[in-house]
Amino acid sequence: MSEHPAFTMAALCSIGGIIGYSRTRSIPSLVAGITVGALYGFGGYRIKNGGDYGYDICAAASAVLLASSLPRARKGPVPAVLTATSLAAGAYYGKQVYDFRS
């Protein structure tokens, strides 16, 4: 069950990067979206198959996404939703890592 948020975030980040590129021709948006999406996808794959560090990878992807979206959160609804989503995913996977380690 815990891999579903990771796969959802992977799809949202990848689609968001592609949309950002198609609207503004922003290569950093494309690269960042695909990279963070790939991190979430890899973490979800590790969780689904019982591999090590899946939760850690997803928590790190959430931290990267939060760090990149937080400074732009007030600039419009898309960065604000991106920030809120990364906070939610980060809280979820951070708790999973904490529970697993303790």
PDB file of N, CA and C in Angstrom:
ATOM      1  N   MET A   1       0.811  -1.199   0.000  1.00  0.00           N
ATOM      2  CA  MET A   1       0.000   0.000   0.000  1.00  0.00           C
ATOM      3  C   MET A   1       0.850   1.257   0.000  1.00  0.00           C
ATOM      4  N   SER A   2       1.981   1.260   0.670  1.00  0.00           N
ATOM      5  CA  SER A   2       2.749   2.493   0.777  1.00  0.00           C
ATOM      6  C   SER A   2       3.442   2.904  -0.495  1.00  0.00           C
ATOM      7  N   GLU A   3       3.446   2.043  -1.501  1.00  0.00           N
ATOM      8  CA  GLU A   3       4.072   2.440  -2.756  1.00  0.00           C
ATOM      9  C   GLU A   3       3.142   3.303  -3.612  1.00  0.00           C
ATOM     10  N   HIS A   4       1.852   3.275  -3.333  1.00  0.00           N
ATOM     11  CA  HIS A   4       0.909   4.025  -4.158  1.00  0.00           C
ATOM     12  C   HIS A   4       1.140   5.542  -4.130  1.00  0.00           C
ATOM     13  N   PRO A   5       1.372   6.154  -2.953  1.00  0.00           N
ATOM     14  CA  PRO A   5       1.682   7.587  -2.981  1.00  0.00           C
ATOM     15  C   PRO A   5       2.959   7.895  -3.772  1.00  0.00           C
ATOM     16  N   ALA A   6       3.934   7.009  -3.712  1.00  0.00           N
ATOM     17  CA  ALA A   6       5.181   7.237  -4.454  1.00  0.00           C
ATOM     18  C   ALA A   6       4.928   7.200  -5.954  1.00  0.00           C
ATOM     19  N   PHE A   7       4.153   6.231  -6.412  1.00  0.00           N
ATOM     20  CA  PHE A   7       3.860   6.143  -7.842  1.00  0.00           C
ATOM     21  C   PHE A   7       2.992   7.315  -8.298  1.00  0.00           C
ATOM     22  N   THR A   8       2.086   7.762  -7.430  1.00  0.00           N
ATOM     23  CA  THR A   8       1.264   8.934  -7.758  1.00  0.00           C
ATOM     24  C   THR A   8       2.136  10.183  -7.872  1.00  0.00           C
ATOM     25  N   MET A   9       3.035  10.364  -6.916  1.00  0.00           N
ATOM     26  CA  MET A   9       3.938  11.523  -6.967  1.00  0.00           C
ATOM     27  C   MET A   9       4.874  11.440  -8.168  1.00  0.00           C
ATOM     28  N   ALA A  10       5.305  10.237  -8.522  1.00  0.00           N
ATOM     29  CA  ALA A  10       6.159  10.068  -9.704  1.00  0.00           C
ATOM     30  C   ALA A  10       5.434  10.541 -10.951  1.00  0.00           C
ATOM     31  N   ALA A  11       4.179  10.146 -11.082  1.00  0.00           N
ATOM     32  CA  ALA A  11       3.402  10.556 -12.254  1.00  0.00           C
ATOM     33  C   ALA A  11       3.154  12.058 -12.246  1.00  0.00           C
ATOM     34  N   LEU A  12       2.768  12.612 -11.086  1.00  0.00           N
ATOM     35  CA  LEU A  12       2.486  14.044 -11.019  1.00  0.00           C
ATOM     36  C   LEU A  12       3.721  14.892 -11.313  1.00  0.00           C
ATOM     37  N   CYS A  13       4.856  14.512 -10.755  1.00  0.00           N
ATOM     38  CA  CYS A  13       6.086  15.283 -10.990  1.00  0.00           C
ATOM     39  C   CYS A  13       6.519  15.201 -12.448  1.00  0.00           C
ATOM     40  N   SER A  14       6.445  14.018 -13.027  1.00  0.00           N
ATOM     41  CA  SER A  14       6.849  13.857 -14.419  1.00  0.00           C
ATOM     42  C   SER A  14       5.925  14.625 -15.356  1.00  0.00           C
ATOM     43  N   ILE A  15       4.627  14.504 -15.139  1.00  0.00           N
ATOM     44  CA  ILE A  15       3.667  15.236 -15.968  1.00  0.00           C
ATOM     45  C   ILE A  15       3.823  16.735 -15.764  1.00  0.00           C
ATOM     46  N   GLY A  16       4.044  17.150 -14.528  1.00  0.00           N
ATOM     47  CA  GLY A  16       4.256  18.576 -14.245  1.00  0.00           C
ATOM     48  C   GLY A  16       5.487  19.125 -14.939  1.00  0.00           C
ATOM     49  N   GLY A  17       6.563  18.361 -14.966  1.00  0.00           N
ATOM     50  CA  GLY A  17       7.771  18.797 -15.664  1.00  0.00           C
ATOM     51  C   GLY A  17       7.546  18.918 -17.158  1.00  0.00           C
ATOM     52  N   ILE A  18       6.807  17.978 -17.721  1.00  0.00           N
ATOM     53  CA  ILE A  18       6.510  18.017 -19.151  1.00  0.00           C
ATOM     54  C   ILE A  18       5.602  19.199 -19.477  1.00  0.00           C
ATOM     55  N   ILE A  19       4.601  19.449 -18.639  1.00  0.00           N
ATOM     56  CA  ILE A  19       3.716  20.596 -18.863  1.00  0.00           C
ATOM     57  C   ILE A  19       4.484  21.903 -18.721  1.00  0.00           C
ATOM     58  N   GLY A  20       5.353  21.992 -17.720  1.00  0.00           N
ATOM     59  CA  GLY A  20       6.176  23.187 -17.549  1.00  0.00           C
ATOM     60  C   GLY A  20       7.051  23.450 -18.754  1.00  0.00           C
ATOM     61  N   TYR A  21       7.592  22.396 -19.312  1.00  0.00           N
ATOM     62  CA  TYR A  21       8.418  22.551 -20.509  1.00  0.00           C
ATOM     63  C   TYR A  21       7.571  22.958 -21.717  1.00  0.00           C
ATOM     64  N   SER A  22       6.410  22.345 -21.874  1.00  0.00           N
ATOM     65  CA  SER A  22       5.588  22.644 -23.046  1.00  0.00           C
ATOM     66  C   SER A  22       5.031  24.068 -23.008  1.00  0.00           C
ATOM     67  N   ARG A  23       4.792  24.603 -21.821  1.00  0.00           N
ATOM     68  CA  ARG A  23       4.260  25.966 -21.716  1.00  0.00           C
ATOM     69  C   ARG A  23       5.331  27.033 -21.886  1.00  0.00           C
ATOM     70  N   THR A  24       6.474  26.830 -21.253  1.00  0.00           N
ATOM     71  CA  THR A  24       7.475  27.905 -21.204  1.00  0.00           C
ATOM     72  C   THR A  24       8.815  27.522 -21.819  1.00  0.00           C
ATOM     73  N   ARG A  25       8.918  26.309 -22.343  1.00  0.00           N
ATOM     74  CA  ARG A  25      10.189  25.796 -22.882  1.00  0.00           C
ATOM     75  C   ARG A  25      11.297  25.830 -21.829  1.00  0.00           C
ATOM     76  N   SER A  26      10.891  25.572 -20.584  1.00  0.00           N
ATOM     77  CA  SER A  26      11.824  25.578 -19.464  1.00  0.00           C
ATOM     78  C   SER A  26      12.457  24.203 -19.319  1.00  0.00           C
ATOM     79  N   ILE A  27      13.689  24.097 -19.743  1.00  0.00           N
ATOM     80  CA  ILE A  27      14.409  22.830 -19.631  1.00  0.00           C
ATOM     81  C   ILE A  27      14.642  22.458 -18.163  1.00  0.00           C
ATOM     82  N   PRO A  28      14.932  23.420 -17.259  1.00  0.00           N
ATOM     83  CA  PRO A  28      15.057  23.036 -15.849  1.00  0.00           C
ATOM     84  C   PRO A  28      13.780  22.408 -15.282  1.00  0.00           C
ATOM     85  N   SER A  29      12.605  22.897 -15.697  1.00  0.00           N
ATOM     86  CA  SER A  29      11.355  22.285 -15.234  1.00  0.00           C
ATOM     87  C   SER A  29      11.250  20.845 -15.714  1.00  0.00           C
ATOM     88  N   LEU A  30      11.607  20.621 -16.953  1.00  0.00           N
ATOM     89  CA  LEU A  30      11.543  19.269 -17.514  1.00  0.00           C
ATOM     90  C   LEU A  30      12.509  18.336 -16.789  1.00  0.00           C
ATOM     91  N   VAL A  31      13.745  18.768 -16.635  1.00  0.00           N
ATOM     92  CA  VAL A  31      14.762  17.930 -15.993  1.00  0.00           C
ATOM     93  C   VAL A  31      14.400  17.668 -14.528  1.00  0.00           C
ATOM     94  N   ALA A  32      13.985  18.708 -13.819  1.00  0.00           N
ATOM     95  CA  ALA A  32      13.639  18.542 -12.409  1.00  0.00           C
ATOM     96  C   ALA A  32      12.414  17.640 -12.247  1.00  0.00           C
ATOM     97  N   GLY A  33      11.399  17.851 -13.057  1.00  0.00           N
ATOM     98  CA  GLY A  33      10.199  17.026 -12.962  1.00  0.00           C
ATOM     99  C   GLY A  33      10.473  15.566 -13.243  1.00  0.00           C
ATOM    100  N   ILE A  34      11.230  15.304 -14.291  1.00  0.00           N
ATOM    101  CA  ILE A  34      11.549  13.917 -14.638  1.00  0.00           C
ATOM    102  C   ILE A  34      12.464  13.292 -13.581  1.00  0.00           C
ATOM    103  N   THR A  35      13.425  14.054 -13.087  1.00  0.00           N
ATOM    104  CA  THR A  35      14.359  13.522 -12.093  1.00  0.00           C
ATOM    105  C   THR A  35      13.657  13.194 -10.773  1.00  0.00           C
ATOM    106  N   VAL A  36      12.861  14.133 -10.270  1.00  0.00           N
ATOM    107  CA  VAL A  36      12.151  13.883  -9.016  1.00  0.00           C
ATOM    108  C   VAL A  36      11.116  12.779  -9.213  1.00  0.00           C
ATOM    109  N   GLY A  37      10.464  12.769 -10.371  1.00  0.00           N
ATOM    110  CA  GLY A  37       9.525  11.690 -10.678  1.00  0.00           C
ATOM    111  C   GLY A  37      10.214  10.336 -10.713  1.00  0.00           C
ATOM    112  N   ALA A  38      11.405  10.300 -11.274  1.00  0.00           N
ATOM    113  CA  ALA A  38      12.162   9.048 -11.321  1.00  0.00           C
ATOM    114  C   ALA A  38      12.568   8.603  -9.913  1.00  0.00           C
ATOM    115  N   LEU A  39      12.926   9.549  -9.057  1.00  0.00           N
ATOM    116  CA  LEU A  39      13.255   9.202  -7.670  1.00  0.00           C
ATOM    117  C   LEU A  39      12.048   8.598  -6.960  1.00  0.00           C
ATOM    118  N   TYR A  40      10.899   9.228  -7.120  1.00  0.00           N
ATOM    119  CA  TYR A  40       9.684   8.671  -6.512  1.00  0.00           C
ATOM    120  C   TYR A  40       9.369   7.293  -7.102  1.00  0.00           C
ATOM    121  N   GLY A  41       9.500   7.155  -8.400  1.00  0.00           N
ATOM    122  CA  GLY A  41       9.223   5.874  -9.040  1.00  0.00           C
ATOM    123  C   GLY A  41      10.160   4.782  -8.557  1.00  0.00           C
ATOM    124  N   PHE A  42      11.440   5.110  -8.443  1.00  0.00           N
ATOM    125  CA  PHE A  42      12.419   4.135  -7.958  1.00  0.00           C
ATOM    126  C   PHE A  42      12.141   3.770  -6.501  1.00  0.00           C
ATOM    127  N   GLY A  43      11.819   4.789  -5.692  1.00  0.00           N
ATOM    128  CA  GLY A  43      11.487   4.514  -4.289  1.00  0.00           C
ATOM    129  C   GLY A  43      10.248   3.643  -4.171  1.00  0.00           C
ATOM    130  N   GLY A  44       9.219   3.931  -4.975  1.00  0.00           N
ATOM    131  CA  GLY A  44       8.012   3.113  -4.969  1.00  0.00           C
ATOM    132  C   GLY A  44       8.282   1.689  -5.402  1.00  0.00           C
ATOM    133  N   TYR A  45       9.140   1.527  -6.384  1.00  0.00           N
ATOM    134  CA  TYR A  45       9.531   0.188  -6.844  1.00  0.00           C
ATOM    135  C   TYR A  45      10.241  -0.578  -5.730  1.00  0.00           C
ATOM    136  N   ARG A  46      11.136   0.112  -5.010  1.00  0.00           N
ATOM    137  CA  ARG A  46      11.858  -0.537  -3.906  1.00  0.00           C
ATOM    138  C   ARG A  46      10.899  -0.924  -2.778  1.00  0.00           C
ATOM    139  N   ILE A  47       9.923  -0.062  -2.496  1.00  0.00           N
ATOM    140  CA  ILE A  47       8.947  -0.371  -1.446  1.00  0.00           C
ATOM    141  C   ILE A  47       8.107  -1.572  -1.860  1.00  0.00           C
ATOM    142  N   LYS A  48       7.629  -1.556  -3.097  1.00  0.00           N
ATOM    143  CA  LYS A  48       6.750  -2.622  -3.579  1.00  0.00           C
ATOM    144  C   LYS A  48       7.433  -3.982  -3.543  1.00  0.00           C
ATOM    145  N   ASN A  49       8.710  -4.016  -3.884  1.00  0.00           N
ATOM    146  CA  ASN A  49       9.439  -5.280  -3.955  1.00  0.00           C
ATOM    147  C   ASN A  49      10.209  -5.613  -2.683  1.00  0.00           C
ATOM    148  N   GLY A  50       9.997  -4.833  -1.622  1.00  0.00           N
ATOM    149  CA  GLY A  50      10.647  -5.125  -0.353  1.00  0.00           C
ATOM    150  C   GLY A  50      12.121  -4.790  -0.316  1.00  0.00           C
ATOM    151  N   GLY A  51      12.576  -3.935  -1.212  1.00  0.00           N
ATOM    152  CA  GLY A  51      13.985  -3.548  -1.235  1.00  0.00           C
ATOM    153  C   GLY A  51      14.316  -2.557  -0.132  1.00  0.00           C
ATOM    154  N   ASP A  52      15.579  -2.407   0.105  1.00  0.00           N
ATOM    155  CA  ASP A  52      16.047  -1.479   1.131  1.00  0.00           C
ATOM    156  C   ASP A  52      15.952  -0.039   0.646  1.00  0.00           C
ATOM    157  N   TYR A  53      15.746   0.867   1.599  1.00  0.00           N
ATOM    158  CA  TYR A  53      15.817   2.309   1.396  1.00  0.00           C
ATOM    159  C   TYR A  53      14.742   2.899   0.486  1.00  0.00           C
ATOM    160  N   GLY A  54      13.658   2.191   0.229  1.00  0.00           N
ATOM    161  CA  GLY A  54      12.579   2.751  -0.580  1.00  0.00           C
ATOM    162  C   GLY A  54      11.942   3.962   0.076  1.00  0.00           C
ATOM    163  N   TYR A  55      11.657   3.850   1.372  1.00  0.00           N
ATOM    164  CA  TYR A  55      11.062   4.969   2.100  1.00  0.00           C
ATOM    165  C   TYR A  55      12.030   6.144   2.172  1.00  0.00           C
ATOM    166  N   ASP A  56      13.297   5.838   2.348  1.00  0.00           N
ATOM    167  CA  ASP A  56      14.310   6.887   2.423  1.00  0.00           C
ATOM    168  C   ASP A  56      14.410   7.653   1.103  1.00  0.00           C
ATOM    169  N   ILE A  57      14.348   6.941   0.003  1.00  0.00           N
ATOM    170  CA  ILE A  57      14.418   7.572  -1.319  1.00  0.00           C
ATOM    171  C   ILE A  57      13.223   8.493  -1.523  1.00  0.00           C
ATOM    172  N   CYS A  58      12.053   8.021  -1.137  1.00  0.00           N
ATOM    173  CA  CYS A  58      10.849   8.849  -1.294  1.00  0.00           C
ATOM    174  C   CYS A  58      10.888  10.067  -0.377  1.00  0.00           C
ATOM    175  N   ALA A  59      11.398   9.896   0.833  1.00  0.00           N
ATOM    176  CA  ALA A  59      11.534  11.040   1.745  1.00  0.00           C
ATOM    177  C   ALA A  59      12.531  12.049   1.183  1.00  0.00           C
ATOM    178  N   ALA A  60      13.619  11.569   0.602  1.00  0.00           N
ATOM    179  CA  ALA A  60      14.607  12.469   0.002  1.00  0.00           C
ATOM    180  C   ALA A  60      14.020  13.190  -1.213  1.00  0.00           C
ATOM    181  N   ALA A  61      13.243  12.479  -2.021  1.00  0.00           N
ATOM    182  CA  ALA A  61      12.601  13.108  -3.175  1.00  0.00           C
ATOM    183  C   ALA A  61      11.638  14.200  -2.710  1.00  0.00           C
ATOM    184  N   SER A  62      10.927  13.947  -1.620  1.00  0.00           N
ATOM    185  CA  SER A  62      10.017  14.955  -1.066  1.00  0.00           C
ATOM    186  C   SER A  62      10.785  16.176  -0.571  1.00  0.00           C
ATOM    187  N   ALA A  63      11.939  15.945   0.047  1.00  0.00           N
ATOM    188  CA  ALA A  63      12.761  17.062   0.520  1.00  0.00           C
ATOM    189  C   ALA A  63      13.288  17.897  -0.636  1.00  0.00           C
ATOM    190  N   VAL A  64      13.716  17.238  -1.713  1.00  0.00           N
ATOM    191  CA  VAL A  64      14.199  17.962  -2.899  1.00  0.00           C
ATOM    192  C   VAL A  64      13.065  18.776  -3.510  1.00  0.00           C
ATOM    193  N   LEU A  65      11.899  18.168  -3.624  1.00  0.00           N
ATOM    194  CA  LEU A  65      10.744  18.856  -4.186  1.00  0.00           C
ATOM    195  C   LEU A  65      10.329  20.036  -3.314  1.00  0.00           C
ATOM    196  N   LEU A  66      10.324  19.859  -2.012  1.00  0.00           N
ATOM    197  CA  LEU A  66       9.974  20.948  -1.101  1.00  0.00           C
ATOM    198  C   LEU A  66      10.987  22.084  -1.189  1.00  0.00           C
ATOM    199  N   ALA A  67      12.251  21.742  -1.207  1.00  0.00           N
ATOM    200  CA  ALA A  67      13.292  22.773  -1.273  1.00  0.00           C
ATOM    201  C   ALA A  67      13.206  23.589  -2.563  1.00  0.00           C
ATOM    202  N   SER A  68      12.792  22.948  -3.642  1.00  0.00           N
ATOM    203  CA  SER A  68      12.706  23.679  -4.903  1.00  0.00           C
ATOM    204  C   SER A  68      11.396  24.441  -5.058  1.00  0.00           C
ATOM    205  N   SER A  69      10.337  23.992  -4.404  1.00  0.00           N
ATOM    206  CA  SER A  69       9.042  24.645  -4.590  1.00  0.00           C
ATOM    207  C   SER A  69       8.715  25.678  -3.516  1.00  0.00           C
ATOM    208  N   LEU A  70       9.265  25.551  -2.337  1.00  0.00           N
ATOM    209  CA  LEU A  70       8.940  26.460  -1.239  1.00  0.00           C
ATOM    210  C   LEU A  70       9.245  27.927  -1.542  1.00  0.00           C
ATOM    211  N   PRO A  71      10.394  28.254  -2.139  1.00  0.00           N
ATOM    212  CA  PRO A  71      10.648  29.668  -2.430  1.00  0.00           C
ATOM    213  C   PRO A  71       9.662  30.286  -3.434  1.00  0.00           C
ATOM    214  N   ARG A  72       9.000  29.460  -4.220  1.00  0.00           N
ATOM    215  CA  ARG A  72       8.065  29.969  -5.232  1.00  0.00           C
ATOM    216  C   ARG A  72       6.609  29.798  -4.822  1.00  0.00           C
ATOM    217  N   ALA A  73       6.334  29.389  -3.597  1.00  0.00           N
ATOM    218  CA  ALA A  73       4.976  29.020  -3.171  1.00  0.00           C
ATOM    219  C   ALA A  73       3.979  30.163  -3.303  1.00  0.00           C
ATOM    220  N   ARG A  74       4.405  31.394  -3.146  1.00  0.00           N
ATOM    221  CA  ARG A  74       3.493  32.540  -3.209  1.00  0.00           C
ATOM    222  C   ARG A  74       3.269  33.066  -4.618  1.00  0.00           C
ATOM    223  N   LYS A  75       3.930  32.499  -5.580  1.00  0.00           N
ATOM    224  CA  LYS A  75       3.848  33.036  -6.944  1.00  0.00           C
ATOM    225  C   LYS A  75       2.645  32.550  -7.733  1.00  0.00           C
ATOM    226  N   GLY A  76       1.874  31.657  -7.179  1.00  0.00           N
ATOM    227  CA  GLY A  76       0.691  31.195  -7.887  1.00  0.00           C
ATOM    228  C   GLY A  76       0.179  29.894  -7.336  1.00  0.00           C
ATOM    229  N   PRO A  77      -0.922  29.416  -7.898  1.00  0.00           N
ATOM    230  CA  PRO A  77      -1.522  28.194  -7.359  1.00  0.00           C
ATOM    231  C   PRO A  77      -0.702  26.929  -7.629  1.00  0.00           C
ATOM    232  N   VAL A  78      -0.034  26.853  -8.758  1.00  0.00           N
ATOM    233  CA  VAL A  78       0.731  25.637  -9.065  1.00  0.00           C
ATOM    234  C   VAL A  78       1.892  25.447  -8.096  1.00  0.00           C
ATOM    235  N   PRO A  79       2.741  26.454  -7.853  1.00  0.00           N
ATOM    236  CA  PRO A  79       3.803  26.254  -6.859  1.00  0.00           C
ATOM    237  C   PRO A  79       3.268  26.023  -5.449  1.00  0.00           C
ATOM    238  N   ALA A  80       2.129  26.638  -5.115  1.00  0.00           N
ATOM    239  CA  ALA A  80       1.556  26.436  -3.784  1.00  0.00           C
ATOM    240  C   ALA A  80       1.074  24.993  -3.613  1.00  0.00           C
ATOM    241  N   VAL A  81       0.409  24.457  -4.620  1.00  0.00           N
ATOM    242  CA  VAL A  81      -0.053  23.068  -4.555  1.00  0.00           C
ATOM    243  C   VAL A  81       1.143  22.115  -4.549  1.00  0.00           C
ATOM    244  N   LEU A  82       2.156  22.432  -5.326  1.00  0.00           N
ATOM    245  CA  LEU A  82       3.370  21.619  -5.360  1.00  0.00           C
ATOM    246  C   LEU A  82       4.033  21.586  -3.987  1.00  0.00           C
ATOM    247  N   THR A  83       4.081  22.728  -3.323  1.00  0.00           N
ATOM    248  CA  THR A  83       4.653  22.799  -1.988  1.00  0.00           C
ATOM    249  C   THR A  83       3.834  21.983  -0.991  1.00  0.00           C
ATOM    250  N   ALA A  84       2.517  22.140  -1.046  1.00  0.00           N
ATOM    251  CA  ALA A  84       1.647  21.397  -0.131  1.00  0.00           C
ATOM    252  C   ALA A  84       1.752  19.894  -0.371  1.00  0.00           C
ATOM    253  N   THR A  85       1.801  19.489  -1.624  1.00  0.00           N
ATOM    254  CA  THR A  85       1.907  18.069  -1.954  1.00  0.00           C
ATOM    255  C   THR A  85       3.237  17.494  -1.475  1.00  0.00           C
ATOM    256  N   SER A  86       4.313  18.254  -1.660  1.00  0.00           N
ATOM    257  CA  SER A  86       5.615  17.770  -1.212  1.00  0.00           C
ATOM    258  C   SER A  86       5.679  17.695   0.310  1.00  0.00           C
ATOM    259  N   LEU A  87       5.018  18.636   0.988  1.00  0.00           N
ATOM    260  CA  LEU A  87       4.956  18.569   2.452  1.00  0.00           C
ATOM    261  C   LEU A  87       4.202  17.331   2.918  1.00  0.00           C
ATOM    262  N   ALA A  88       3.071  17.050   2.272  1.00  0.00           N
ATOM    263  CA  ALA A  88       2.277  15.881   2.648  1.00  0.00           C
ATOM    264  C   ALA A  88       3.052  14.584   2.400  1.00  0.00           C
ATOM    265  N   ALA A  89       3.667  14.480   1.232  1.00  0.00           N
ATOM    266  CA  ALA A  89       4.440  13.275   0.916  1.00  0.00           C
ATOM    267  C   ALA A  89       5.647  13.153   1.834  1.00  0.00           C
ATOM    268  N   GLY A  90       6.286  14.283   2.114  1.00  0.00           N
ATOM    269  CA  GLY A  90       7.435  14.263   3.017  1.00  0.00           C
ATOM    270  C   GLY A  90       7.056  13.847   4.421  1.00  0.00           C
ATOM    271  N   ALA A  91       5.906  14.334   4.901  1.00  0.00           N
ATOM    272  CA  ALA A  91       5.443  13.939   6.232  1.00  0.00           C
ATOM    273  C   ALA A  91       5.120  12.445   6.265  1.00  0.00           C
ATOM    274  N   TYR A  92       4.462  11.958   5.230  1.00  0.00           N
ATOM    275  CA  TYR A  92       4.093  10.543   5.178  1.00  0.00           C
ATOM    276  C   TYR A  92       5.341   9.659   5.145  1.00  0.00           C
ATOM    277  N   TYR A  93       6.246   9.939   4.231  1.00  0.00           N
ATOM    278  CA  TYR A  93       7.425   9.082   4.112  1.00  0.00           C
ATOM    279  C   TYR A  93       8.421   9.317   5.238  1.00  0.00           C
ATOM    280  N   GLY A  94       8.458  10.527   5.786  1.00  0.00           N
ATOM    281  CA  GLY A  94       9.287  10.762   6.960  1.00  0.00           C
ATOM    282  C   GLY A  94       8.823   9.930   8.141  1.00  0.00           C
ATOM    283  N   LYS A  95       7.497   9.849   8.322  1.00  0.00           N
ATOM    284  CA  LYS A  95       6.955   9.013   9.392  1.00  0.00           C
ATOM    285  C   LYS A  95       7.236   7.538   9.128  1.00  0.00           C
ATOM    286  N   GLN A  96       7.154   7.122   7.885  1.00  0.00           N
ATOM    287  CA  GLN A  96       7.456   5.724   7.554  1.00  0.00           C
ATOM    288  C   GLN A  96       8.913   5.395   7.893  1.00  0.00           C
ATOM    289  N   VAL A  97       9.818   6.292   7.556  1.00  0.00           N
ATOM    290  CA  VAL A  97      11.239   6.079   7.860  1.00  0.00           C
ATOM    291  C   VAL A  97      11.435   6.040   9.372  1.00  0.00           C
ATOM    292  N   TYR A  98      10.808   6.981  10.075  1.00  0.00           N
ATOM    293  CA  TYR A  98      10.932   7.032  11.529  1.00  0.00           C
ATOM    294  C   TYR A  98      10.406   5.750  12.171  1.00  0.00           C
ATOM    295  N   ASP A  99       9.226   5.303  11.741  1.00  0.00           N
ATOM    296  CA  ASP A  99       8.647   4.077  12.297  1.00  0.00           C
ATOM    297  C   ASP A  99       9.509   2.859  11.997  1.00  0.00           C
ATOM    298  N   PHE A 100      10.067   2.824  10.814  1.00  0.00           N
ATOM    299  CA  PHE A 100      10.902   1.681  10.424  1.00  0.00           C
ATOM    300  C   PHE A 100      12.199   1.647  11.223  1.00  0.00           C
ATOM    301  N   ARG A 101      12.783   2.809  11.469  1.00  0.00           N
ATOM    302  CA  ARG A 101      14.069   2.873  12.175  1.00  0.00           C
ATOM    303  C   ARG A 101      13.923   2.674  13.675  1.00  0.00           C
ATOM    304  N   SER A 102      12.746   3.001  14.232  1.00  0.00           N
ATOM    305  CA  SER A 102      12.624   2.868  15.699  1.00  0.00           C
ATOM    306  C   SER A 102      11.823   1.682  16.120  1.00  0.00           C
TER     307      SER A 102
END
